[in-house]
N, C-alpha and C. Protein backbone atom coordinates (compact mmCIF):
# COMPACT_ATOMS: atom_id res chain seq x y z
N MET A 1 -111.60 119.37 -142.17
CA MET A 1 -110.58 119.57 -141.17
C MET A 1 -109.72 118.32 -141.08
N GLU A 2 -108.47 118.54 -140.73
CA GLU A 2 -107.60 117.39 -140.53
C GLU A 2 -106.68 117.66 -139.35
N GLN A 3 -106.23 116.59 -138.74
CA GLN A 3 -105.31 116.67 -137.60
C GLN A 3 -103.90 116.63 -138.15
N ALA A 4 -103.01 117.40 -137.57
CA ALA A 4 -101.63 117.41 -138.03
C ALA A 4 -100.71 117.61 -136.86
N SER A 5 -99.46 117.24 -137.03
CA SER A 5 -98.46 117.52 -136.01
C SER A 5 -98.25 119.01 -135.90
N LEU A 6 -97.83 119.44 -134.74
CA LEU A 6 -97.65 120.87 -134.50
C LEU A 6 -96.27 121.33 -134.91
N PRO A 7 -96.18 122.16 -135.93
CA PRO A 7 -94.94 122.87 -136.15
C PRO A 7 -94.94 124.03 -135.14
N VAL A 8 -94.13 123.92 -134.11
CA VAL A 8 -94.19 124.85 -132.98
C VAL A 8 -94.10 126.30 -133.43
N ALA A 9 -93.14 126.62 -134.26
CA ALA A 9 -92.97 128.01 -134.68
C ALA A 9 -94.19 128.50 -135.45
N ARG A 10 -94.77 127.67 -136.29
CA ARG A 10 -95.94 128.07 -137.07
C ARG A 10 -97.15 128.31 -136.17
N SER A 11 -97.30 127.50 -135.14
CA SER A 11 -98.44 127.68 -134.25
C SER A 11 -98.35 128.97 -133.45
N LYS A 12 -97.13 129.46 -133.25
CA LYS A 12 -96.96 130.71 -132.52
C LYS A 12 -97.68 131.87 -133.20
N ASP A 13 -97.66 131.89 -134.52
CA ASP A 13 -98.37 132.96 -135.25
C ASP A 13 -99.85 132.95 -134.92
N TYR A 14 -100.44 131.75 -134.88
CA TYR A 14 -101.86 131.63 -134.53
C TYR A 14 -102.09 132.07 -133.08
N LEU A 15 -101.25 131.62 -132.18
CA LEU A 15 -101.42 131.94 -130.76
C LEU A 15 -101.23 133.43 -130.48
N LEU A 16 -100.36 134.07 -131.23
CA LEU A 16 -100.10 135.49 -131.01
C LEU A 16 -101.28 136.38 -131.37
N ARG A 17 -102.23 135.87 -132.13
CA ARG A 17 -103.42 136.66 -132.47
C ARG A 17 -104.21 137.04 -131.21
N HIS A 18 -104.11 136.21 -130.18
CA HIS A 18 -104.76 136.47 -128.88
C HIS A 18 -103.72 136.18 -127.80
N GLU A 19 -102.68 136.99 -127.81
CA GLU A 19 -101.50 136.75 -126.98
C GLU A 19 -101.83 136.60 -125.50
N ALA A 20 -102.66 137.47 -124.96
CA ALA A 20 -102.96 137.39 -123.52
C ALA A 20 -103.67 136.08 -123.17
N LEU A 21 -104.57 135.64 -124.00
CA LEU A 21 -105.30 134.39 -123.77
C LEU A 21 -104.38 133.17 -123.88
N HIS A 22 -103.39 133.26 -124.73
CA HIS A 22 -102.52 132.11 -125.02
C HIS A 22 -101.13 132.23 -124.40
N ALA A 23 -100.97 133.03 -123.37
CA ALA A 23 -99.65 133.28 -122.79
C ALA A 23 -98.94 132.00 -122.35
N VAL A 24 -99.65 131.11 -121.70
CA VAL A 24 -99.02 129.86 -121.23
C VAL A 24 -98.61 128.99 -122.41
N LEU A 25 -99.49 128.86 -123.39
CA LEU A 25 -99.16 128.09 -124.59
C LEU A 25 -97.94 128.67 -125.30
N LEU A 26 -97.87 129.98 -125.39
CA LEU A 26 -96.72 130.63 -126.03
C LEU A 26 -95.45 130.37 -125.24
N GLY A 27 -95.54 130.40 -123.92
CA GLY A 27 -94.37 130.12 -123.09
C GLY A 27 -93.86 128.71 -123.29
N ILE A 28 -94.76 127.75 -123.39
CA ILE A 28 -94.34 126.37 -123.62
C ILE A 28 -93.74 126.23 -125.01
N CYS A 29 -94.33 126.87 -126.01
CA CYS A 29 -93.75 126.84 -127.37
C CYS A 29 -92.31 127.36 -127.34
N ASP A 30 -92.10 128.49 -126.68
CA ASP A 30 -90.74 129.04 -126.59
C ASP A 30 -89.80 128.07 -125.89
N SER A 31 -90.28 127.46 -124.82
CA SER A 31 -89.47 126.49 -124.08
C SER A 31 -89.09 125.31 -124.96
N LEU A 32 -90.03 124.82 -125.77
CA LEU A 32 -89.75 123.69 -126.65
C LEU A 32 -88.80 124.07 -127.78
N ILE A 33 -88.89 125.29 -128.24
CA ILE A 33 -87.96 125.75 -129.28
C ILE A 33 -86.55 125.87 -128.70
N GLN A 34 -86.44 126.44 -127.50
CA GLN A 34 -85.13 126.65 -126.88
C GLN A 34 -84.50 125.36 -126.36
N ASN A 35 -85.34 124.44 -125.85
CA ASN A 35 -84.82 123.22 -125.23
C ASN A 35 -85.75 122.04 -125.55
N PRO A 36 -85.70 121.53 -126.78
CA PRO A 36 -86.63 120.48 -127.18
C PRO A 36 -86.47 119.16 -126.41
N GLN A 37 -85.34 118.96 -125.75
CA GLN A 37 -85.09 117.73 -125.00
C GLN A 37 -85.43 117.86 -123.52
N LYS A 38 -86.15 118.91 -123.16
CA LYS A 38 -86.44 119.24 -121.75
C LYS A 38 -87.23 118.15 -121.03
N TYR A 39 -88.12 117.46 -121.72
CA TYR A 39 -89.03 116.52 -121.08
C TYR A 39 -88.61 115.08 -121.28
N ASP A 40 -88.96 114.24 -120.30
CA ASP A 40 -88.64 112.81 -120.37
C ASP A 40 -89.43 112.11 -121.47
N TYR A 41 -90.68 112.54 -121.68
CA TYR A 41 -91.53 111.99 -122.72
C TYR A 41 -91.72 113.05 -123.80
N VAL A 42 -92.08 112.59 -124.97
CA VAL A 42 -92.39 113.51 -126.05
C VAL A 42 -93.67 114.26 -125.69
N PRO A 43 -93.63 115.58 -125.67
CA PRO A 43 -94.86 116.33 -125.38
C PRO A 43 -95.91 116.09 -126.47
N TYR A 44 -97.17 116.21 -126.09
CA TYR A 44 -98.26 116.13 -127.06
C TYR A 44 -98.41 117.52 -127.67
N LEU A 45 -98.26 117.58 -128.96
CA LEU A 45 -98.33 118.84 -129.69
C LEU A 45 -99.19 118.62 -130.92
N ALA A 46 -100.26 119.40 -131.03
CA ALA A 46 -101.14 119.20 -132.18
C ALA A 46 -101.80 120.50 -132.61
N THR A 47 -102.09 120.55 -133.89
CA THR A 47 -102.92 121.62 -134.42
C THR A 47 -104.08 120.97 -135.16
N VAL A 48 -105.14 121.71 -135.29
CA VAL A 48 -106.22 121.32 -136.19
C VAL A 48 -106.25 122.42 -137.23
N GLU A 49 -106.31 122.01 -138.49
CA GLU A 49 -106.29 122.96 -139.59
C GLU A 49 -107.50 122.79 -140.49
N ALA A 50 -107.91 123.89 -141.07
CA ALA A 50 -108.95 123.90 -142.10
C ALA A 50 -108.47 124.87 -143.17
N ASP A 51 -108.54 124.45 -144.41
CA ASP A 51 -108.09 125.28 -145.53
C ASP A 51 -106.67 125.79 -145.30
N GLU A 52 -105.81 124.91 -144.81
CA GLU A 52 -104.39 125.20 -144.56
C GLU A 52 -104.16 126.30 -143.53
N GLN A 53 -105.17 126.58 -142.72
CA GLN A 53 -105.05 127.57 -141.65
C GLN A 53 -105.27 126.88 -140.30
N ILE A 54 -104.43 127.19 -139.33
CA ILE A 54 -104.60 126.63 -137.99
C ILE A 54 -105.87 127.21 -137.38
N ILE A 55 -106.70 126.32 -136.81
CA ILE A 55 -107.91 126.78 -136.13
C ILE A 55 -107.94 126.39 -134.65
N ALA A 56 -106.96 125.57 -134.22
CA ALA A 56 -106.86 125.20 -132.80
C ALA A 56 -105.48 124.61 -132.55
N VAL A 57 -105.00 124.81 -131.32
CA VAL A 57 -103.71 124.27 -130.90
C VAL A 57 -103.91 123.55 -129.57
N ALA A 58 -103.23 122.43 -129.40
CA ALA A 58 -103.26 121.68 -128.14
C ALA A 58 -101.83 121.30 -127.77
N ILE A 59 -101.51 121.47 -126.51
CA ILE A 59 -100.18 121.10 -126.01
C ILE A 59 -100.35 120.43 -124.65
N ARG A 60 -99.61 119.34 -124.45
CA ARG A 60 -99.57 118.70 -123.14
C ARG A 60 -98.15 118.22 -122.90
N THR A 61 -97.53 118.77 -121.89
CA THR A 61 -96.21 118.30 -121.50
C THR A 61 -96.41 117.26 -120.40
N PRO A 62 -95.48 116.31 -120.27
CA PRO A 62 -95.65 115.23 -119.31
C PRO A 62 -96.02 115.71 -117.90
N ALA A 63 -96.97 114.99 -117.33
CA ALA A 63 -97.47 115.21 -115.96
C ALA A 63 -98.21 116.54 -115.79
N ARG A 64 -98.57 117.17 -116.86
CA ARG A 64 -99.31 118.44 -116.80
C ARG A 64 -100.66 118.29 -117.50
N PRO A 65 -101.59 119.18 -117.20
CA PRO A 65 -102.88 119.14 -117.90
C PRO A 65 -102.72 119.51 -119.38
N LEU A 66 -103.70 119.11 -120.14
CA LEU A 66 -103.78 119.50 -121.54
C LEU A 66 -104.12 120.98 -121.61
N LEU A 67 -103.45 121.71 -122.49
CA LEU A 67 -103.74 123.12 -122.72
C LEU A 67 -104.32 123.26 -124.12
N LEU A 68 -105.47 123.91 -124.20
CA LEU A 68 -106.13 124.12 -125.49
C LEU A 68 -106.22 125.61 -125.78
N SER A 69 -105.99 125.96 -127.02
CA SER A 69 -106.14 127.35 -127.45
C SER A 69 -107.61 127.66 -127.69
N GLN A 70 -107.85 128.93 -127.92
CA GLN A 70 -109.16 129.32 -128.44
C GLN A 70 -109.26 128.68 -129.82
N SER A 71 -110.46 128.27 -130.20
CA SER A 71 -110.64 127.58 -131.47
C SER A 71 -111.57 128.35 -132.39
N GLN A 72 -111.28 128.29 -133.66
CA GLN A 72 -112.14 128.91 -134.66
C GLN A 72 -113.36 128.04 -134.97
N ASN A 73 -113.32 126.78 -134.54
CA ASN A 73 -114.41 125.84 -134.78
C ASN A 73 -114.36 124.80 -133.68
N LEU A 74 -115.41 124.73 -132.86
CA LEU A 74 -115.39 123.84 -131.69
C LEU A 74 -115.35 122.36 -132.04
N SER A 75 -115.68 121.99 -133.26
CA SER A 75 -115.55 120.58 -133.65
C SER A 75 -114.08 120.15 -133.66
N ALA A 76 -113.17 121.11 -133.66
CA ALA A 76 -111.75 120.79 -133.57
C ALA A 76 -111.43 120.06 -132.26
N MET A 77 -112.21 120.33 -131.22
CA MET A 77 -111.96 119.69 -129.92
C MET A 77 -112.18 118.19 -130.00
N ASN A 78 -113.11 117.75 -130.84
CA ASN A 78 -113.34 116.31 -131.04
C ASN A 78 -112.12 115.66 -131.70
N LEU A 79 -111.55 116.32 -132.68
CA LEU A 79 -110.36 115.78 -133.34
C LEU A 79 -109.19 115.69 -132.38
N ILE A 80 -109.03 116.70 -131.54
CA ILE A 80 -107.95 116.67 -130.55
C ILE A 80 -108.18 115.53 -129.57
N ALA A 81 -109.40 115.36 -129.09
CA ALA A 81 -109.70 114.28 -128.13
C ALA A 81 -109.38 112.91 -128.75
N GLN A 82 -109.78 112.70 -129.98
CA GLN A 82 -109.51 111.42 -130.65
C GLN A 82 -108.01 111.18 -130.79
N ASN A 83 -107.28 112.20 -131.17
CA ASN A 83 -105.85 112.08 -131.38
C ASN A 83 -105.11 111.90 -130.05
N LEU A 84 -105.55 112.59 -129.02
CA LEU A 84 -104.90 112.52 -127.71
C LEU A 84 -104.97 111.13 -127.10
N ILE A 85 -106.06 110.42 -127.34
CA ILE A 85 -106.20 109.05 -126.82
C ILE A 85 -105.01 108.20 -127.24
N GLU A 86 -104.63 108.27 -128.50
CA GLU A 86 -103.51 107.46 -129.00
C GLU A 86 -102.20 107.86 -128.34
N TYR A 87 -101.99 109.16 -128.19
CA TYR A 87 -100.77 109.63 -127.51
C TYR A 87 -100.70 109.09 -126.09
N LEU A 88 -101.77 109.22 -125.34
CA LEU A 88 -101.78 108.78 -123.94
C LEU A 88 -101.55 107.28 -123.82
N ARG A 89 -102.16 106.52 -124.71
CA ARG A 89 -101.96 105.06 -124.70
C ARG A 89 -100.51 104.70 -125.01
N SER A 90 -99.93 105.35 -125.99
CA SER A 90 -98.57 105.00 -126.39
C SER A 90 -97.55 105.34 -125.32
N TYR A 91 -97.82 106.33 -124.48
CA TYR A 91 -96.89 106.69 -123.40
C TYR A 91 -97.41 106.24 -122.04
N GLN A 92 -98.47 105.45 -122.03
CA GLN A 92 -99.08 104.93 -120.80
C GLN A 92 -99.28 106.03 -119.76
N GLN A 93 -99.98 107.07 -120.18
CA GLN A 93 -100.27 108.20 -119.32
C GLN A 93 -101.77 108.41 -119.22
N LEU A 94 -102.16 109.17 -118.20
CA LEU A 94 -103.54 109.55 -118.00
C LEU A 94 -103.70 111.04 -118.25
N LEU A 95 -104.88 111.44 -118.61
CA LEU A 95 -105.18 112.86 -118.75
C LEU A 95 -105.55 113.37 -117.36
N THR A 96 -104.75 114.28 -116.83
CA THR A 96 -104.94 114.76 -115.46
C THR A 96 -105.80 116.02 -115.38
N GLY A 97 -106.09 116.62 -116.50
CA GLY A 97 -106.91 117.82 -116.50
C GLY A 97 -106.80 118.54 -117.82
N VAL A 98 -107.62 119.59 -117.94
CA VAL A 98 -107.64 120.39 -119.16
C VAL A 98 -107.75 121.86 -118.77
N ASN A 99 -106.91 122.69 -119.35
CA ASN A 99 -107.00 124.14 -119.22
C ASN A 99 -107.33 124.70 -120.58
N ALA A 100 -108.44 125.43 -120.65
CA ALA A 100 -108.90 125.95 -121.94
C ALA A 100 -109.92 127.04 -121.70
N PRO A 101 -110.16 127.86 -122.72
CA PRO A 101 -111.30 128.78 -122.63
C PRO A 101 -112.58 127.97 -122.39
N VAL A 102 -113.60 128.59 -121.84
CA VAL A 102 -114.81 127.89 -121.41
C VAL A 102 -115.45 127.07 -122.53
N ALA A 103 -115.71 127.67 -123.66
CA ALA A 103 -116.39 126.95 -124.75
C ALA A 103 -115.57 125.76 -125.23
N GLU A 104 -114.27 125.95 -125.36
CA GLU A 104 -113.40 124.88 -125.82
C GLU A 104 -113.33 123.77 -124.77
N SER A 105 -113.30 124.15 -123.50
CA SER A 105 -113.27 123.17 -122.42
C SER A 105 -114.51 122.30 -122.42
N HIS A 106 -115.67 122.91 -122.58
CA HIS A 106 -116.93 122.16 -122.63
C HIS A 106 -116.97 121.24 -123.84
N ALA A 107 -116.56 121.74 -124.99
CA ALA A 107 -116.57 120.93 -126.21
C ALA A 107 -115.62 119.75 -126.08
N PHE A 108 -114.42 119.99 -125.52
CA PHE A 108 -113.46 118.91 -125.35
C PHE A 108 -114.00 117.88 -124.35
N ALA A 109 -114.55 118.33 -123.22
CA ALA A 109 -115.06 117.42 -122.20
C ALA A 109 -116.17 116.54 -122.76
N SER A 110 -117.03 117.11 -123.55
CA SER A 110 -118.11 116.34 -124.17
C SER A 110 -117.55 115.27 -125.10
N SER A 111 -116.60 115.64 -125.92
CA SER A 111 -115.97 114.68 -126.84
C SER A 111 -115.23 113.60 -126.06
N TRP A 112 -114.47 114.01 -125.05
CA TRP A 112 -113.69 113.08 -124.25
C TRP A 112 -114.62 112.05 -123.57
N ALA A 113 -115.72 112.54 -123.00
CA ALA A 113 -116.66 111.64 -122.33
C ALA A 113 -117.25 110.62 -123.29
N SER A 114 -117.60 111.05 -124.51
CA SER A 114 -118.18 110.12 -125.46
C SER A 114 -117.16 109.11 -125.98
N ILE A 115 -115.91 109.51 -126.08
CA ILE A 115 -114.85 108.61 -126.57
C ILE A 115 -114.44 107.61 -125.50
N THR A 116 -114.36 108.04 -124.26
CA THR A 116 -113.82 107.20 -123.19
C THR A 116 -114.88 106.43 -122.42
N SER A 117 -116.15 106.64 -122.72
CA SER A 117 -117.22 105.93 -121.99
C SER A 117 -117.43 104.54 -122.54
């Protein structure tokens, strides 16, 4: 697995597989496509891929909680947590919360706790 920047349009295909679950993520993707300069800070946008296929998506717009998609592999949450630390440091921001499906939320919280402790 590797971490990569989020091509917003490409991630939409992954998110649409479970449209009802990913409605908020899809709305933010559309917003970023329509108005990429909407936010004061660069939003955090990431995918985790395996075999050139997206297996998880993460989005955080300034002053909002992190949003995580359903993941094909929960170890993706560790990669997102590691990558997010650098983003937050570079923009001098704090993580205010996480919205995610239950399994992904638990996996991310566990990774986050081990990284930030």
